[in-house]
Amino acid sequence: MFKFITLLSSLLLVSCVTFVPYINSNSPIDIYGVTFLPPQNGSWLVMAASGYQSTLASKGVLENESLVVNVSIFQLPELDSDEGFLDFIAKSRASSPDIGRFENKENTESLSSLNGAVCVKYHTLSNDMNAKIQGGKAQMVLESIGYNCRHPEKNSIGVVIEYSFRHFGKSEHSSLEKDSDAFFKNIQFREF
């Protein structure tokens, strides 16, 4: 009997290890102050989840390519204007530590709005000089479209909403703009 239970436990353990936690595209995800639906294109799995952050990932069309969405909250200082907010976000994004892995190629930032919130919309293109891929490392391109928003219910809370695509230089995701816009439209700011 003990051998049977051990064998059954081993089989269950192996089956759990191979199970990938894909999420239902119709199930809302909640973090503090924000609710959203996962992207409606492809199969997405949870990479990180807490009350402050949710990160989802999906495989790209080609091997080693990936799509990632991230929604997280952070503390904002007291800012007296929308232009001050834009300046703060631009300086914060530019002050990321230079670890030698990413080489910025293009970056645009502008004041925008998203579902009732004042935001800084950005579109960034970078070379990932040391991307970890199956079988080693490679140079890839990281394209990110996102918003840094002031939460409409509490101006001292910022919300980062990002949709990114990591791919090889010759590859492109022709519907990145359309897919990211569809994802951003599902963001709902709510009371804390």
Protein backbone atom coordinates (compact mmCIF):
# COMPACT_ATOMS: atom_id res chain seq x y z
CA MET A 1 0.00 0.00 0.00
CA PHE A 2 2.82 2.43 0.86
CA LYS A 3 4.42 1.82 -2.57
CA PHE A 4 1.09 2.58 -4.27
CA ILE A 5 0.68 5.85 -2.32
CA THR A 6 4.29 6.82 -3.10
CA LEU A 7 3.77 6.05 -6.80
CA LEU A 8 0.50 7.98 -6.88
CA SER A 9 2.09 10.95 -5.07
CA SER A 10 5.00 10.93 -7.53
CA LEU A 11 2.63 10.92 -10.50
CA LEU A 12 0.61 13.79 -9.04
CA LEU A 13 3.78 15.75 -8.32
CA VAL A 14 5.07 15.26 -11.87
CA SER A 15 1.70 16.28 -13.32
CA CYS A 16 1.73 19.42 -11.15
CA VAL A 17 5.19 20.34 -12.33
CA THR A 18 4.17 20.19 -15.98
CA PHE A 19 0.96 22.15 -15.41
CA VAL A 20 1.25 25.72 -16.71
CA PRO A 21 -0.95 28.24 -14.85
CA TYR A 22 -2.62 29.91 -17.82
CA ILE A 23 -5.25 32.39 -16.78
CA ASN A 24 -8.79 32.74 -18.02
CA SER A 25 -8.98 35.79 -20.30
CA ASN A 26 -12.42 36.64 -18.86
CA SER A 27 -11.28 36.66 -15.21
CA PRO A 28 -10.55 40.16 -13.85
CA ILE A 29 -7.27 40.68 -12.03
CA ASP A 30 -7.18 42.99 -9.01
CA ILE A 31 -4.34 44.86 -7.38
CA TYR A 32 -4.78 47.74 -4.92
CA GLY A 33 -6.76 50.44 -6.72
CA VAL A 34 -6.76 48.80 -10.16
CA THR A 35 -8.77 46.06 -11.90
CA PHE A 36 -8.10 44.77 -15.41
CA LEU A 37 -8.69 41.88 -17.77
CA PRO A 38 -5.73 39.92 -19.15
CA PRO A 39 -4.90 40.60 -22.81
CA GLN A 40 -7.43 38.91 -25.06
CA ASN A 41 -4.86 37.68 -27.59
CA GLY A 42 -3.07 34.39 -26.93
CA SER A 43 -2.52 32.38 -23.77
CA TRP A 44 -1.14 34.27 -20.78
CA LEU A 45 0.36 32.97 -17.55
CA VAL A 46 1.05 34.68 -14.23
CA MET A 47 4.71 35.62 -13.66
CA ALA A 48 4.22 37.75 -10.52
CA ALA A 49 1.22 38.53 -8.38
CA SER A 50 0.72 40.56 -5.21
CA GLY A 51 -1.52 43.33 -3.99
CA TYR A 52 0.89 45.84 -5.56
CA GLN A 53 1.74 44.18 -8.89
CA SER A 54 0.58 41.72 -11.50
CA THR A 55 2.83 40.56 -14.34
CA LEU A 56 1.61 38.25 -17.10
CA ALA A 57 3.60 36.68 -19.94
CA SER A 58 2.87 34.96 -23.23
CA LYS A 59 5.03 33.30 -25.87
CA GLY A 60 5.67 35.18 -29.09
CA VAL A 61 5.16 33.66 -32.52
CA LEU A 62 8.83 32.71 -32.88
CA GLU A 63 10.81 30.68 -30.35
CA ASN A 64 12.29 32.76 -27.50
CA GLU A 65 10.11 35.79 -28.29
CA SER A 66 7.79 36.92 -25.51
CA LEU A 67 5.04 39.36 -24.62
CA VAL A 68 4.72 40.73 -21.09
CA VAL A 69 2.15 42.97 -19.43
CA ASN A 70 2.73 44.57 -16.07
CA VAL A 71 0.43 46.60 -13.83
CA SER A 72 1.90 47.90 -10.58
CA ILE A 73 1.48 50.76 -8.15
CA PHE A 74 4.12 53.00 -6.57
CA GLN A 75 4.37 56.02 -4.27
CA LEU A 76 4.41 59.48 -5.88
CA PRO A 77 5.76 62.65 -4.29
CA GLU A 78 3.51 65.68 -4.04
CA LEU A 79 3.44 67.25 -7.51
CA ASP A 80 1.84 70.61 -8.23
CA SER A 81 0.98 70.23 -11.94
CA ASP A 82 0.58 67.79 -14.81
CA GLU A 83 3.81 69.17 -16.32
CA GLY A 84 5.56 68.49 -12.99
CA PHE A 85 4.25 64.93 -13.15
CA LEU A 86 5.58 64.53 -16.72
CA ASP A 87 8.98 65.87 -15.63
CA PHE A 88 9.08 63.55 -12.59
CA ILE A 89 8.22 60.46 -14.68
CA ALA A 90 10.68 61.36 -17.46
CA LYS A 91 13.50 61.82 -14.90
CA SER A 92 12.55 58.61 -13.04
CA ARG A 93 12.52 56.54 -16.23
CA ALA A 94 15.86 58.04 -17.34
CA SER A 95 17.50 57.31 -13.99
CA SER A 96 17.26 53.52 -14.30
CA PRO A 97 20.60 51.95 -13.40
CA ASP A 98 22.88 51.42 -16.40
CA ILE A 99 23.82 47.77 -16.01
CA GLY A 100 25.09 47.49 -19.57
CA ARG A 101 22.30 45.20 -20.68
CA PHE A 102 19.92 47.66 -22.35
CA GLU A 103 20.80 50.21 -25.02
CA ASN A 104 18.01 52.72 -25.67
CA LYS A 105 17.29 53.32 -29.35
CA GLU A 106 14.07 55.37 -29.22
CA ASN A 107 11.90 56.84 -26.49
CA THR A 108 8.87 59.14 -26.59
CA GLU A 109 6.96 60.44 -23.57
CA SER A 110 3.95 62.73 -23.52
CA LEU A 111 1.10 63.76 -21.27
CA SER A 112 -2.00 61.72 -21.98
CA SER A 113 -5.07 60.38 -20.25
CA LEU A 114 -6.27 56.86 -19.69
CA ASN A 115 -9.72 55.99 -18.42
CA GLY A 116 -10.02 59.12 -16.28
CA ALA A 117 -6.41 59.33 -15.07
CA VAL A 118 -3.69 61.84 -15.95
CA CYS A 119 -0.81 59.84 -17.41
CA VAL A 120 2.50 59.94 -19.18
CA LYS A 121 2.32 57.67 -22.21
CA TYR A 122 5.59 56.25 -23.47
CA HIS A 123 6.87 54.13 -26.32
CA THR A 124 10.41 52.78 -25.95
CA LEU A 125 12.61 50.70 -28.21
CA SER A 126 15.79 49.19 -26.70
CA ASN A 127 18.40 46.63 -27.59
CA ASP A 128 18.64 43.89 -24.97
CA MET A 129 22.33 43.05 -25.26
CA ASN A 130 22.18 40.05 -22.94
CA ALA A 131 18.72 38.46 -23.29
CA LYS A 132 18.39 35.08 -21.63
CA ILE A 133 16.94 32.58 -24.05
CA GLN A 134 16.59 28.83 -24.22
CA GLY A 135 20.10 27.51 -24.77
CA GLY A 136 22.02 30.65 -23.76
CA LYS A 137 21.96 34.37 -24.39
CA ALA A 138 21.32 36.58 -27.41
CA GLN A 139 20.82 40.17 -28.53
CA MET A 140 17.13 41.01 -28.88
CA VAL A 141 14.89 44.06 -29.22
CA LEU A 142 12.57 45.12 -26.39
CA GLU A 143 9.65 47.31 -27.43
CA SER A 144 7.50 48.74 -24.63
CA ILE A 145 4.33 50.78 -24.77
CA GLY A 146 2.94 51.99 -21.50
CA TYR A 147 1.45 54.54 -19.17
CA ASN A 148 2.58 55.98 -15.86
CA CYS A 149 -0.59 57.39 -14.31
CA ARG A 150 -1.61 59.36 -11.26
CA HIS A 151 -4.36 57.34 -9.64
CA PRO A 152 -7.57 59.40 -10.01
CA GLU A 153 -8.72 58.45 -6.48
CA LYS A 154 -5.38 59.25 -4.79
CA ASN A 155 -2.78 61.52 -6.45
CA SER A 156 0.00 60.21 -4.22
CA ILE A 157 -0.23 56.78 -5.88
CA GLY A 158 1.23 56.11 -9.31
CA VAL A 159 0.21 53.25 -11.57
CA VAL A 160 2.52 51.72 -14.19
CA ILE A 161 0.73 49.89 -17.01
CA GLU A 162 3.02 48.37 -19.62
CA TYR A 163 2.75 46.06 -22.61
CA SER A 164 6.07 44.87 -24.03
CA PHE A 165 7.36 42.63 -26.79
CA ARG A 166 10.84 41.07 -26.78
CA HIS A 167 11.89 39.84 -30.20
CA PHE A 168 14.74 39.36 -32.60
CA GLY A 169 15.64 42.39 -34.72
CA LYS A 170 14.17 41.17 -38.00
CA SER A 171 10.89 40.08 -36.42
CA GLU A 172 8.05 42.43 -35.60
CA HIS A 173 4.66 42.29 -33.98
CA SER A 174 2.46 44.10 -36.48
CA SER A 175 -0.49 44.32 -34.08
CA LEU A 176 1.48 45.50 -31.01
CA GLU A 177 -0.13 48.94 -31.04
CA LYS A 178 -3.63 47.50 -31.51
CA ASP A 179 -3.16 44.74 -28.89
CA SER A 180 -1.69 47.12 -26.31
CA ASP A 181 -4.50 49.66 -26.87
CA ALA A 182 -7.10 46.92 -26.34
CA PHE A 183 -5.35 45.92 -23.09
CA PHE A 184 -5.13 49.53 -21.85
CA LYS A 185 -8.86 50.10 -22.46
CA ASN A 186 -9.64 47.35 -19.91
CA ILE A 187 -7.83 49.16 -17.07
CA GLN A 188 -10.24 50.37 -14.39
CA PHE A 189 -9.12 52.62 -11.56
CA ARG A 190 -11.08 52.04 -8.35
CA GLU A 191 -11.08 53.15 -4.74
CA PHE A 192 -8.52 51.71 -2.36
